[in-house]
């Protein structure tokens, strides 16, 4: 069934409005708890990187983190462009960004609801149970209020994979969506695999299958070519600087066995309600294998492929597994299809008890983890605000405008300051990528360019900071409570 044909799925206007109201409630609750806990902000320093690029784009029309210095430090050009609209129409960055988060959360909840209804004929409830699960899943609410492109990219992934389970996929549209996905994250390229998988295995004459692949590549090719040209114009590389910097920074994580890495990434999918949904995913996949449902199998292969790709090159699970949140959405929705198909059958006696016990368990775990997530989100925001943002504000007030600073976390520094920055993570200073974890070579580099101050957490660079004069420390209470250290500004003696 086509996702556009929602009139046959039992969806009513009131159902859509319920999802809208719940999306607003979910995100605003996280923001309110954050305000009570410390203050409103973003839970990631990377969010401020996007804001800085967006503000400079709106004000001067240049793609730059530092005015006058074009760079490829934004992993998600399309998300940055969307954020820049808020600056053009003079809406506060918080107001615009959180509004976009609510809108996208609403969109993915709606898409999941329609998809499950299209696949489970007996599911016609007026109340959108599946959409409600998506709205209150704590990873997704956290992402909606994060200021990052994560949820929008997840929406594109969902749209592509769910379009592939339709009876007659529109391959040109799917190709365009994959092209859009590339502009949100380089990971979008992985969607070509499942799209071509379905296009080739579709039960049709060979000419039709070739035509399917051609339509995918035609829709995808134009946007992908523009993306490559965009990056080449900025950095002389086909991919954004972050693509290379992140892999270099976390190379030490590759010391763990591949099985251990993929295991850690996979566990992220079942922290929370995902653990109870797992049987549904198994049911969906078993049915797909038996009936050769290529669209579902393509989704399974994509999920395994992405987990394997990250385990191979970037096995990070920090920030609550945000890199695999798109996998979570696919996992949740396919799981719900399997469980709803199973639960909507007519059962009596102990099976009726089992069915309702499972429902109560899902709702209970969903609510418990949603509440827990509000605390996690608030703590993350408090950490960024009390360390990165407070440091940036101190620098802006106390250091001369011509100061040259080196820092590992540059987001808030770039947004709230107006001075030259050397990025030790390599996002806007790609020249440090080859030696960004080599403290001896970093010291020589900072000496050569005559840096004035080094801003970092001491344990990030113990050799660099060992003999330096401390100028400022945040003395924030949240970082030590989380087992970390306070950010420090050091005078660099060259």
Foldseek 3Di string as FASTA:
>chain_A
DALVPLVLLLADPVQLVVLLVLLCVLLVVLQVLLPVLPRGDALDLVLLQLVQQLCCCLPPVARDLAPPAFAQLDQAQVLSVQLNVCVNVVHDSQVSLLVVLSVLLSLLLSLLQSLLSVLAVLPNDHHSPSSSLSSLQLLSSSVSNRSALLSVLLSLLSVLLSLLLDLDRPLLVSLLSLLNSCNGHVLSVLSLQLQLQSLQPPPDDNVSSVVSNVSNCVNNVVSLVVQQVVCCVRPVGSHHQCVLLQLLVPVVVLVDDLVVLLVVLVVLLCPFLSVLLVVLLVQLVVVCVVVVSSSNVSLVVSLVVVSSVCSNGPSDCPPSNSVSVSSSSSSSSSSCSSLCNVLSDDDDDPVVVVSVVSVVVSVVRSVVVSVVSSVVSSLSRLVCCLAVQVVLQCCQVPPDQAAEEEEQSCSNNSNSHNYHYHHLSCSRPVVNSVPSQPLVVVLVVCVVVVHFKYKYFCVSRVPQCVPFAWDDWSPDDSQVVVVGGTITITTRDD
